[in-house]
Amino acid sequence: MLPEWKPALDALIGARHGGRIEHLAPALRELDRRYPNVPEIAAELGYTLAAQDALPEALAAYERALALGLPSPADQANTLAGHAICLLRLGKAVEAAQALDSARIQFPDHSEFTAYLALARHQAGATSEGFALLLGLLLETSEDLGLSAHQRTLRALLAPTPADAV
């Protein structure tokens, strides 16, 4: 049996996929007010608010969803990504990097966390580290024959040199 809030949330999400988003934030806020301890509602509210550039409120919704605990790994991963993206868009690159480091431990097969972490490191001023993460991700995920042939050399060039230690 479905929880009583689920049909209402599904209807709102369905409306979003139809391209109508302007009414969603107020409707999701109301649903969230009625069911304040449902992480799925908080996560969808965060996503909707982020899409409408209401980033501080979106961040709070994502943080509440994560604190409440999401029921599925997919929901957890998507909410972690949304949370980190909000932090990046708010200029909180160091916090985003910390969140993404944690997300990569939790979801090591989700390459998107490495890509966002590369951006966070770059925004936080660790450009070389961000570049290394991004190139490493490219080498891991690319099926390009040229990159595959040169992967060992490229990885060796990414390793710190004695001059870097100075």
Protein backbone atom coordinates (compact mmCIF):
# COMPACT_ATOMS: atom_id res chain seq x y z
CA MET A 1 0.00 0.00 0.00
CA LEU A 2 1.28 3.44 -0.96
CA PRO A 3 1.88 6.09 1.69
CA GLU A 4 -0.88 8.73 1.58
CA TRP A 5 1.52 11.46 0.35
CA LYS A 6 2.85 9.42 -2.61
CA PRO A 7 0.02 10.01 -5.17
CA ALA A 8 0.20 13.77 -4.59
CA LEU A 9 3.98 13.79 -5.03
CA ASP A 10 3.74 11.63 -8.16
CA ALA A 11 1.15 14.00 -9.66
CA LEU A 12 3.40 17.00 -9.04
CA ILE A 13 6.42 15.25 -10.52
CA GLY A 14 4.34 14.24 -13.54
CA ALA A 15 3.37 17.87 -14.08
CA ARG A 16 7.05 18.85 -14.01
CA HIS A 17 7.83 16.41 -16.79
CA GLY A 18 5.10 18.08 -18.82
CA GLY A 19 7.08 21.32 -18.69
CA ARG A 20 4.90 23.12 -16.15
CA ILE A 21 7.14 24.11 -13.26
CA GLU A 22 6.02 27.55 -12.10
CA HIS A 23 3.29 26.14 -9.82
CA LEU A 24 5.41 23.32 -8.41
CA ALA A 25 7.34 25.10 -5.66
CA PRO A 26 4.23 26.35 -3.81
CA ALA A 27 2.51 22.97 -4.19
CA LEU A 28 5.61 21.09 -2.99
CA ARG A 29 6.04 23.50 -0.07
CA GLU A 30 2.46 22.77 0.95
CA LEU A 31 2.97 19.01 0.62
CA ASP A 32 6.20 19.33 2.61
CA ARG A 33 4.38 21.32 5.30
CA ARG A 34 1.77 18.55 5.59
CA TYR A 35 4.41 15.77 5.59
CA PRO A 36 7.58 17.37 7.03
CA ASN A 37 9.46 14.12 7.67
CA VAL A 38 9.31 12.63 4.17
CA PRO A 39 12.75 12.79 2.52
CA GLU A 40 11.39 12.20 -0.99
CA ILE A 41 9.24 15.34 -0.76
CA ALA A 42 12.15 17.39 0.60
CA ALA A 43 14.43 16.14 -2.20
CA GLU A 44 11.89 17.01 -4.91
CA LEU A 45 11.37 20.41 -3.32
CA GLY A 46 15.15 20.95 -3.42
CA TYR A 47 15.32 19.97 -7.09
CA THR A 48 12.42 22.23 -8.02
CA LEU A 49 13.76 25.21 -6.08
CA ALA A 50 17.23 24.76 -7.60
CA ALA A 51 15.67 24.73 -11.08
CA GLN A 52 14.02 28.04 -10.20
CA ASP A 53 17.33 29.50 -8.86
CA ALA A 54 16.06 29.64 -5.26
CA LEU A 55 19.39 28.16 -4.21
CA PRO A 56 19.54 28.86 -0.44
CA GLU A 57 16.08 27.35 0.03
CA ALA A 58 16.95 24.45 -2.30
CA LEU A 59 20.10 23.76 -0.29
CA ALA A 60 18.11 23.63 2.94
CA ALA A 61 15.60 21.21 1.38
CA TYR A 62 18.39 18.94 0.09
CA GLU A 63 20.10 18.97 3.49
CA ARG A 64 16.86 18.02 5.22
CA ALA A 65 16.22 15.20 2.73
CA LEU A 66 19.71 13.83 3.34
CA ALA A 67 19.34 14.12 7.12
CA LEU A 68 16.02 12.25 6.98
CA GLY A 69 17.58 9.46 4.90
CA LEU A 70 16.39 8.57 1.43
CA PRO A 71 14.95 5.10 0.83
CA SER A 72 16.81 4.11 -2.34
CA PRO A 73 20.43 4.40 -3.43
CA ALA A 74 19.32 6.19 -6.62
CA ASP A 75 17.39 8.80 -4.61
CA GLN A 76 20.36 9.21 -2.26
CA ALA A 77 22.83 9.65 -5.13
CA ASN A 78 20.61 12.14 -6.97
CA THR A 79 20.06 14.16 -3.80
CA LEU A 80 23.78 14.18 -2.99
CA ALA A 81 24.47 15.46 -6.51
CA GLY A 82 21.78 18.16 -6.24
CA HIS A 83 23.13 19.22 -2.86
CA ALA A 84 26.69 19.52 -4.17
CA ILE A 85 25.56 21.40 -7.28
CA CYS A 86 23.70 23.90 -5.07
CA LEU A 87 26.84 24.41 -3.01
CA LEU A 88 28.85 25.00 -6.20
CA ARG A 89 26.31 27.45 -7.59
CA LEU A 90 26.32 29.32 -4.26
CA GLY A 91 30.12 29.67 -4.44
CA LYS A 92 30.75 27.22 -1.59
CA ALA A 93 33.35 25.16 -3.44
CA VAL A 94 35.19 23.87 -0.35
CA GLU A 95 31.94 22.59 1.19
CA ALA A 96 30.95 21.09 -2.16
CA ALA A 97 34.30 19.29 -2.40
CA GLN A 98 33.83 17.82 1.08
CA ALA A 99 30.32 16.63 0.19
CA LEU A 100 31.53 15.17 -3.10
CA ASP A 101 34.46 13.36 -1.46
CA SER A 102 31.93 11.69 0.81
CA ALA A 103 29.57 10.93 -2.09
CA ARG A 104 32.41 9.27 -4.03
CA ILE A 105 33.08 6.97 -1.08
CA GLN A 106 29.41 6.10 -0.83
CA PHE A 107 28.94 5.68 -4.61
CA PRO A 108 32.33 4.80 -6.15
CA ASP A 109 30.78 3.81 -9.49
CA HIS A 110 29.04 7.16 -10.01
CA SER A 111 31.42 9.09 -12.26
CA GLU A 112 29.34 12.26 -11.99
CA PHE A 113 30.67 12.81 -8.47
CA THR A 114 34.25 12.83 -9.76
CA ALA A 115 33.34 15.32 -12.50
CA TYR A 116 31.63 17.65 -10.02
CA LEU A 117 34.53 17.22 -7.58
CA ALA A 118 36.94 18.31 -10.33
CA LEU A 119 34.86 21.48 -10.78
CA ALA A 120 34.73 22.05 -7.02
CA ARG A 121 38.50 21.67 -6.68
CA HIS A 122 38.99 24.07 -9.60
CA GLN A 123 36.60 26.63 -8.06
CA ALA A 124 38.33 26.26 -4.69
CA GLY A 125 41.67 27.14 -6.29
CA ALA A 126 43.10 23.61 -6.53
CA THR A 127 43.16 23.77 -10.32
CA SER A 128 45.87 21.13 -10.79
CA GLU A 129 44.01 18.66 -8.59
CA GLY A 130 40.76 19.38 -10.44
CA PHE A 131 42.50 18.86 -13.78
CA ALA A 132 44.01 15.56 -12.59
CA LEU A 133 40.60 14.31 -11.45
CA LEU A 134 39.00 15.25 -14.74
CA LEU A 135 41.74 13.72 -16.87
CA GLY A 136 41.66 10.57 -14.74
CA LEU A 137 37.90 10.36 -15.23
CA LEU A 138 38.30 10.83 -18.97
CA LEU A 139 40.87 8.04 -19.11
CA GLU A 140 38.63 5.71 -17.06
CA THR A 141 35.49 6.29 -19.08
CA SER A 142 36.69 6.91 -22.62
CA GLU A 143 36.72 4.19 -25.24
CA ASP A 144 38.83 6.31 -27.56
CA LEU A 145 41.63 4.17 -29.00
CA GLY A 146 44.19 6.98 -28.87
CA LEU A 147 43.52 7.73 -25.22
CA SER A 148 43.59 4.03 -24.40
CA ALA A 149 46.95 3.64 -26.14
CA HIS A 150 48.45 6.59 -24.23
CA GLN A 151 46.69 6.02 -20.90
CA ARG A 152 49.78 4.78 -19.03
CA THR A 153 51.89 7.76 -20.13
CA LEU A 154 49.14 10.28 -19.38
CA ARG A 155 48.67 8.82 -15.88
CA ALA A 156 52.43 8.92 -15.28
CA LEU A 157 52.52 12.57 -16.29
CA LEU A 158 49.75 13.31 -13.78
CA ALA A 159 51.85 11.93 -10.92
CA PRO A 160 53.61 14.59 -8.84
CA THR A 161 57.21 15.25 -9.84
CA PRO A 162 60.06 16.19 -7.47
CA ALA A 163 59.78 19.78 -8.76
CA ASP A 164 56.15 19.85 -7.53
CA ALA A 165 57.33 19.17 -3.98
CA VAL A 166 59.47 22.33 -3.90
